[in-house]
N, C-alpha and C. Protein backbone atom coordinates (compact mmCIF):
# COMPACT_ATOMS: atom_id res chain seq x y z
N MET A 1 0.83 -1.17 0.00
CA MET A 1 -0.02 0.00 0.01
C MET A 1 0.86 1.22 0.03
N ARG A 2 0.57 2.17 -0.82
CA ARG A 2 1.29 3.42 -0.87
C ARG A 2 0.92 4.38 0.19
N THR A 3 1.81 5.18 0.65
CA THR A 3 1.54 6.22 1.65
C THR A 3 0.70 7.36 1.00
N LYS A 4 -0.21 7.84 1.82
CA LYS A 4 -1.03 8.94 1.44
C LYS A 4 -0.08 10.13 1.15
N PRO A 5 -0.28 10.94 0.11
CA PRO A 5 0.57 12.01 -0.23
C PRO A 5 0.60 13.11 0.91
N ASP A 6 -0.36 13.22 1.71
CA ASP A 6 -0.46 14.18 2.71
C ASP A 6 0.46 13.86 3.99
N GLN A 7 1.00 12.69 4.00
CA GLN A 7 1.86 12.27 5.03
C GLN A 7 3.32 12.38 4.64
N LEU A 8 3.81 13.60 4.65
CA LEU A 8 5.19 13.86 4.16
C LEU A 8 6.13 14.14 5.30
N SER A 9 7.38 13.85 5.08
CA SER A 9 8.43 14.19 5.98
C SER A 9 9.53 14.83 5.20
N VAL A 10 10.48 15.48 5.89
CA VAL A 10 11.56 16.08 5.22
C VAL A 10 12.91 15.50 5.76
N LEU A 11 13.83 15.12 4.89
CA LEU A 11 15.13 14.65 5.20
C LEU A 11 16.08 15.83 4.94
N MET A 12 16.83 16.21 5.91
CA MET A 12 17.84 17.25 5.74
C MET A 12 19.18 16.57 5.51
N VAL A 13 19.68 16.96 4.27
CA VAL A 13 21.08 16.42 3.93
C VAL A 13 21.89 17.68 3.64
N GLY A 14 22.76 18.00 4.62
CA GLY A 14 23.47 19.28 4.54
C GLY A 14 22.41 20.32 4.69
N ASP A 15 22.41 21.30 3.77
CA ASP A 15 21.41 22.34 3.82
C ASP A 15 20.33 22.11 2.78
N LYS A 16 20.19 20.88 2.23
CA LYS A 16 19.25 20.55 1.26
C LYS A 16 18.07 19.77 1.99
N GLU A 17 16.84 20.20 1.69
CA GLU A 17 15.63 19.55 2.17
C GLU A 17 15.08 18.60 1.10
N VAL A 18 14.86 17.40 1.43
CA VAL A 18 14.33 16.36 0.50
C VAL A 18 13.01 15.81 1.08
N GLN A 19 11.94 15.99 0.36
CA GLN A 19 10.62 15.53 0.82
C GLN A 19 10.47 14.09 0.60
N ARG A 20 9.85 13.38 1.61
CA ARG A 20 9.66 11.87 1.56
C ARG A 20 8.24 11.62 2.03
N ASP A 21 7.79 10.47 1.54
CA ASP A 21 6.48 10.01 2.03
C ASP A 21 6.55 9.43 3.38
N GLY A 22 5.47 8.95 3.91
CA GLY A 22 5.40 8.50 5.33
C GLY A 22 6.36 7.24 5.54
N HIS A 23 6.72 6.52 4.50
CA HIS A 23 7.63 5.43 4.67
C HIS A 23 9.04 5.69 4.25
N GLY A 24 9.40 6.95 3.98
CA GLY A 24 10.74 7.37 3.73
C GLY A 24 11.16 7.31 2.23
N TYR A 25 10.26 7.06 1.31
CA TYR A 25 10.58 7.09 -0.07
C TYR A 25 10.52 8.56 -0.58
N LEU A 26 11.36 8.90 -1.54
CA LEU A 26 11.45 10.24 -2.09
C LEU A 26 10.19 10.54 -2.81
N ILE A 27 9.71 11.75 -2.68
CA ILE A 27 8.49 12.16 -3.48
C ILE A 27 8.92 12.49 -4.90
N ASP A 28 10.11 13.09 -5.04
CA ASP A 28 10.68 13.41 -6.34
C ASP A 28 12.03 12.71 -6.50
N PRO A 29 12.06 11.71 -7.38
CA PRO A 29 13.33 11.10 -7.58
C PRO A 29 14.41 11.94 -8.14
N GLN A 30 14.10 13.12 -8.72
CA GLN A 30 15.08 14.05 -9.20
C GLN A 30 15.84 14.74 -8.09
N ALA A 31 15.31 14.68 -6.83
CA ALA A 31 15.96 15.24 -5.65
C ALA A 31 17.07 14.44 -5.10
N TRP A 32 17.24 13.22 -5.71
CA TRP A 32 18.19 12.24 -5.24
C TRP A 32 19.65 12.65 -5.68
N ASP A 33 20.55 12.41 -4.79
CA ASP A 33 22.03 12.45 -5.14
C ASP A 33 22.69 11.48 -4.22
N GLU A 34 24.03 11.30 -4.33
CA GLU A 34 24.71 10.30 -3.56
C GLU A 34 24.73 10.62 -2.10
N GLN A 35 24.67 11.95 -1.72
CA GLN A 35 24.63 12.34 -0.30
C GLN A 35 23.21 11.87 0.28
N VAL A 36 22.20 12.01 -0.51
CA VAL A 36 20.79 11.56 -0.04
C VAL A 36 20.88 10.07 0.18
N ALA A 37 21.45 9.31 -0.79
CA ALA A 37 21.56 7.89 -0.69
C ALA A 37 22.32 7.47 0.63
N MET A 38 23.43 8.17 0.89
CA MET A 38 24.14 7.83 2.12
C MET A 38 23.34 8.13 3.37
N ALA A 39 22.60 9.20 3.35
CA ALA A 39 21.75 9.46 4.54
C ALA A 39 20.65 8.48 4.75
N ILE A 40 20.01 8.09 3.63
CA ILE A 40 18.96 7.00 3.78
C ILE A 40 19.56 5.69 4.16
N ALA A 41 20.71 5.36 3.57
CA ALA A 41 21.30 4.06 3.92
C ALA A 41 21.73 4.03 5.44
N GLU A 42 22.16 5.15 5.99
CA GLU A 42 22.47 5.36 7.38
C GLU A 42 21.26 5.04 8.26
N GLU A 43 20.12 5.59 7.85
CA GLU A 43 18.87 5.36 8.57
C GLU A 43 18.52 3.78 8.50
N GLU A 44 18.90 3.21 7.41
CA GLU A 44 18.55 1.71 7.28
C GLU A 44 19.62 0.89 7.88
N GLY A 45 20.66 1.48 8.49
CA GLY A 45 21.73 0.74 9.16
C GLY A 45 22.71 0.14 8.18
N LEU A 46 22.87 0.65 6.99
CA LEU A 46 23.81 0.18 6.00
C LEU A 46 24.93 1.17 5.74
N VAL A 47 26.12 0.66 5.54
CA VAL A 47 27.24 1.46 5.07
C VAL A 47 27.40 1.03 3.63
N LEU A 48 27.27 1.90 2.68
CA LEU A 48 27.40 1.64 1.22
C LEU A 48 28.80 1.34 0.82
N GLY A 49 29.02 0.17 0.24
CA GLY A 49 30.30 -0.24 -0.29
C GLY A 49 30.22 -0.29 -1.86
N GLU A 50 31.27 -0.64 -2.51
CA GLU A 50 31.44 -0.63 -3.92
C GLU A 50 30.23 -1.37 -4.61
N GLN A 51 29.87 -2.53 -4.07
CA GLN A 51 28.81 -3.34 -4.72
C GLN A 51 27.49 -2.74 -4.53
N HIS A 52 27.20 -2.11 -3.34
CA HIS A 52 25.97 -1.41 -3.18
C HIS A 52 25.88 -0.25 -4.27
N TRP A 53 26.93 0.52 -4.42
CA TRP A 53 26.92 1.59 -5.34
C TRP A 53 26.76 1.12 -6.79
N ALA A 54 27.31 -0.06 -7.15
CA ALA A 54 27.15 -0.56 -8.47
C ALA A 54 25.59 -0.79 -8.67
N VAL A 55 24.96 -1.41 -7.78
CA VAL A 55 23.53 -1.72 -7.90
C VAL A 55 22.77 -0.37 -7.93
N ILE A 56 23.02 0.58 -7.05
CA ILE A 56 22.33 1.82 -7.00
C ILE A 56 22.42 2.59 -8.26
N ARG A 57 23.78 2.63 -8.77
CA ARG A 57 23.94 3.37 -9.99
C ARG A 57 23.27 2.72 -11.23
N PHE A 58 23.16 1.41 -11.24
CA PHE A 58 22.46 0.71 -12.26
C PHE A 58 20.98 1.07 -12.21
N MET A 59 20.48 1.11 -11.06
CA MET A 59 19.07 1.39 -10.89
C MET A 59 18.82 2.80 -11.31
N ARG A 60 19.69 3.76 -10.94
CA ARG A 60 19.53 5.17 -11.34
C ARG A 60 19.63 5.34 -12.89
N ARG A 61 20.57 4.67 -13.51
CA ARG A 61 20.68 4.73 -14.93
C ARG A 61 19.47 4.29 -15.69
N SER A 62 18.96 3.16 -15.21
CA SER A 62 17.73 2.63 -15.76
C SER A 62 16.54 3.52 -15.54
N TYR A 63 16.49 4.06 -14.37
CA TYR A 63 15.41 5.06 -14.11
C TYR A 63 15.47 6.27 -15.04
N GLU A 64 16.61 6.87 -15.25
CA GLU A 64 16.85 7.95 -16.04
C GLU A 64 16.54 7.67 -17.54
N GLU A 65 16.82 6.41 -17.99
CA GLU A 65 16.59 6.02 -19.40
C GLU A 65 15.12 5.72 -19.64
N HIS A 66 14.39 5.14 -18.59
CA HIS A 66 13.03 4.60 -18.87
C HIS A 66 11.98 5.39 -18.06
N ASP A 67 12.42 6.17 -17.12
CA ASP A 67 11.48 6.92 -16.24
C ASP A 67 10.56 6.05 -15.39
N VAL A 68 10.96 4.89 -15.19
CA VAL A 68 10.24 3.90 -14.21
C VAL A 68 11.35 3.11 -13.51
N PRO A 69 11.09 2.75 -12.28
CA PRO A 69 12.06 1.97 -11.58
C PRO A 69 12.25 0.61 -12.29
N VAL A 70 13.47 0.10 -12.38
CA VAL A 70 13.82 -1.14 -13.03
C VAL A 70 13.24 -2.33 -12.14
N ASP A 71 12.74 -3.37 -12.80
CA ASP A 71 12.24 -4.53 -12.14
C ASP A 71 13.40 -5.25 -11.45
N ALA A 72 13.08 -5.88 -10.31
CA ALA A 72 14.11 -6.53 -9.49
C ALA A 72 14.85 -7.61 -10.29
N ARG A 73 14.22 -8.29 -11.15
CA ARG A 73 14.88 -9.44 -11.90
C ARG A 73 16.03 -8.82 -12.76
N TYR A 74 15.87 -7.54 -13.27
CA TYR A 74 16.99 -7.00 -14.08
C TYR A 74 18.10 -6.54 -13.20
N VAL A 75 17.78 -6.11 -11.95
CA VAL A 75 18.87 -5.83 -11.07
C VAL A 75 19.63 -7.11 -10.64
N PHE A 76 18.95 -8.15 -10.43
CA PHE A 76 19.66 -9.44 -10.10
C PHE A 76 20.57 -9.85 -11.33
N ALA A 77 19.98 -9.70 -12.58
CA ALA A 77 20.73 -10.10 -13.76
C ALA A 77 21.99 -9.14 -13.87
N PHE A 78 21.82 -7.89 -13.57
CA PHE A 78 22.98 -7.01 -13.65
C PHE A 78 23.97 -7.42 -12.63
N LEU A 79 23.62 -7.72 -11.40
CA LEU A 79 24.50 -8.05 -10.38
C LEU A 79 25.22 -9.42 -10.70
N ALA A 80 24.50 -10.36 -11.35
CA ALA A 80 25.11 -11.58 -11.72
C ALA A 80 26.26 -11.33 -12.77
N GLU A 81 25.94 -10.50 -13.77
CA GLU A 81 27.00 -10.17 -14.79
C GLU A 81 28.16 -9.38 -14.12
N HIS A 82 27.81 -8.45 -13.25
CA HIS A 82 28.83 -7.57 -12.66
C HIS A 82 29.79 -8.42 -11.78
N LEU A 83 29.29 -9.48 -11.13
CA LEU A 83 30.08 -10.29 -10.20
C LEU A 83 30.58 -11.50 -10.83
N GLY A 84 30.10 -11.87 -12.08
CA GLY A 84 30.41 -13.08 -12.74
C GLY A 84 29.83 -14.29 -12.04
N GLN A 85 28.65 -14.15 -11.51
CA GLN A 85 27.93 -15.29 -10.82
C GLN A 85 26.72 -15.60 -11.60
N ASN A 86 26.13 -16.79 -11.19
CA ASN A 86 24.84 -17.15 -11.79
C ASN A 86 23.74 -16.26 -11.11
N LYS A 87 22.56 -16.35 -11.64
CA LYS A 87 21.48 -15.40 -11.09
C LYS A 87 21.12 -15.75 -9.65
N THR A 88 21.10 -17.06 -9.36
CA THR A 88 20.74 -17.47 -8.09
C THR A 88 21.71 -16.98 -7.00
N ALA A 89 23.00 -17.10 -7.30
CA ALA A 89 24.01 -16.61 -6.39
C ALA A 89 23.99 -15.06 -6.33
N ALA A 90 23.75 -14.46 -7.41
CA ALA A 90 23.67 -12.98 -7.43
C ALA A 90 22.45 -12.52 -6.54
N ARG A 91 21.33 -13.24 -6.64
CA ARG A 91 20.16 -12.85 -5.88
C ARG A 91 20.41 -13.02 -4.42
N ARG A 92 21.07 -14.10 -4.03
CA ARG A 92 21.47 -14.28 -2.57
C ARG A 92 22.37 -13.23 -2.12
N HIS A 93 23.34 -12.85 -3.00
CA HIS A 93 24.30 -11.76 -2.68
C HIS A 93 23.59 -10.43 -2.59
N PHE A 94 22.61 -10.17 -3.40
CA PHE A 94 21.81 -8.95 -3.31
C PHE A 94 21.26 -8.80 -1.90
N PHE A 95 20.68 -9.90 -1.36
CA PHE A 95 20.06 -9.84 -0.02
C PHE A 95 21.10 -9.75 1.07
N GLU A 96 22.31 -10.03 0.79
CA GLU A 96 23.37 -9.74 1.73
C GLU A 96 23.66 -8.28 1.78
N LEU A 97 23.63 -7.62 0.58
CA LEU A 97 23.82 -6.22 0.45
C LEU A 97 22.65 -5.42 1.02
N PHE A 98 21.50 -5.82 0.71
CA PHE A 98 20.27 -5.13 1.02
C PHE A 98 19.34 -6.16 1.78
N PRO A 99 19.60 -6.40 3.09
CA PRO A 99 18.91 -7.51 3.81
C PRO A 99 17.38 -7.40 3.82
N TYR A 100 16.87 -6.14 3.75
CA TYR A 100 15.36 -6.02 3.79
C TYR A 100 14.79 -5.94 2.37
N GLY A 101 15.56 -6.19 1.34
CA GLY A 101 15.07 -6.40 0.00
C GLY A 101 15.14 -5.19 -0.91
N TYR A 102 14.62 -5.54 -2.12
CA TYR A 102 14.70 -4.70 -3.24
C TYR A 102 13.81 -3.40 -2.97
N VAL A 103 12.56 -3.60 -2.65
CA VAL A 103 11.65 -2.47 -2.44
C VAL A 103 12.04 -1.69 -1.14
N LYS A 104 12.18 -2.42 -0.05
CA LYS A 104 12.27 -1.77 1.29
C LYS A 104 13.58 -0.99 1.34
N GLN A 105 14.71 -1.49 0.78
CA GLN A 105 15.95 -0.78 0.97
C GLN A 105 16.50 -0.28 -0.34
N ALA A 106 16.68 -1.08 -1.28
CA ALA A 106 17.41 -0.75 -2.58
C ALA A 106 16.61 0.40 -3.29
N CYS A 107 15.34 0.28 -3.41
CA CYS A 107 14.53 1.39 -4.11
C CYS A 107 14.62 2.66 -3.26
N LYS A 108 14.50 2.51 -2.00
CA LYS A 108 14.49 3.66 -1.11
C LYS A 108 15.80 4.39 -1.17
N ILE A 109 16.89 3.68 -1.10
CA ILE A 109 18.24 4.30 -1.06
C ILE A 109 18.56 4.85 -2.47
N ALA A 110 18.07 4.17 -3.55
CA ALA A 110 18.34 4.71 -4.93
C ALA A 110 17.38 5.82 -5.31
N GLY A 111 16.52 6.24 -4.40
CA GLY A 111 15.70 7.44 -4.63
C GLY A 111 14.49 7.24 -5.43
N MET A 112 13.98 5.98 -5.45
CA MET A 112 12.71 5.71 -6.17
C MET A 112 11.55 6.12 -5.38
N ARG A 113 10.46 6.46 -5.99
CA ARG A 113 9.09 6.60 -5.28
C ARG A 113 8.70 5.22 -4.78
N GLN A 114 7.89 5.23 -3.73
CA GLN A 114 7.35 3.97 -3.18
C GLN A 114 6.57 3.21 -4.22
N PRO A 115 6.92 1.96 -4.53
CA PRO A 115 6.21 1.22 -5.52
C PRO A 115 4.81 0.93 -4.97
N ARG A 116 3.82 0.88 -5.92
CA ARG A 116 2.40 0.59 -5.52
C ARG A 116 2.27 -0.81 -5.02
N ALA A 117 2.62 -1.80 -5.83
CA ALA A 117 2.51 -3.20 -5.41
C ALA A 117 3.65 -3.88 -6.23
N TRP A 118 4.53 -4.43 -5.49
CA TRP A 118 5.71 -5.06 -6.21
C TRP A 118 6.18 -6.28 -5.50
N SER A 119 6.72 -7.25 -6.20
CA SER A 119 7.35 -8.28 -5.51
C SER A 119 8.66 -7.77 -4.96
N THR A 120 9.07 -8.26 -3.79
CA THR A 120 10.26 -7.80 -3.16
C THR A 120 11.49 -8.55 -3.78
N GLY A 121 11.26 -9.40 -4.74
CA GLY A 121 12.34 -10.11 -5.37
C GLY A 121 12.68 -11.31 -4.55
């Protein structure tokens, strides 16, 4: 279920204000930058490493090209290719990187709007 639009919060990143819905997803994906990603990751209890950034940057490139968040299966396929693993191993590794999953953590950190109804992968 998506958050009602009137339930907004503000994330302060330096002197920049970023509006979010009641679950912490960005209202405007264009407000995202790497500092915003690090602030959200910190809230999620994650320290972003090289592999996190590879996934996040892939998601952002795909969003910029298609104007919709990329489906989880394409993220897993990207990670498999990036790491030289099969898709099953890459999917397992993805959940080591983002323990709460594609929608709950990866989409939020990558600055996507909250998905309406999505498989968490």
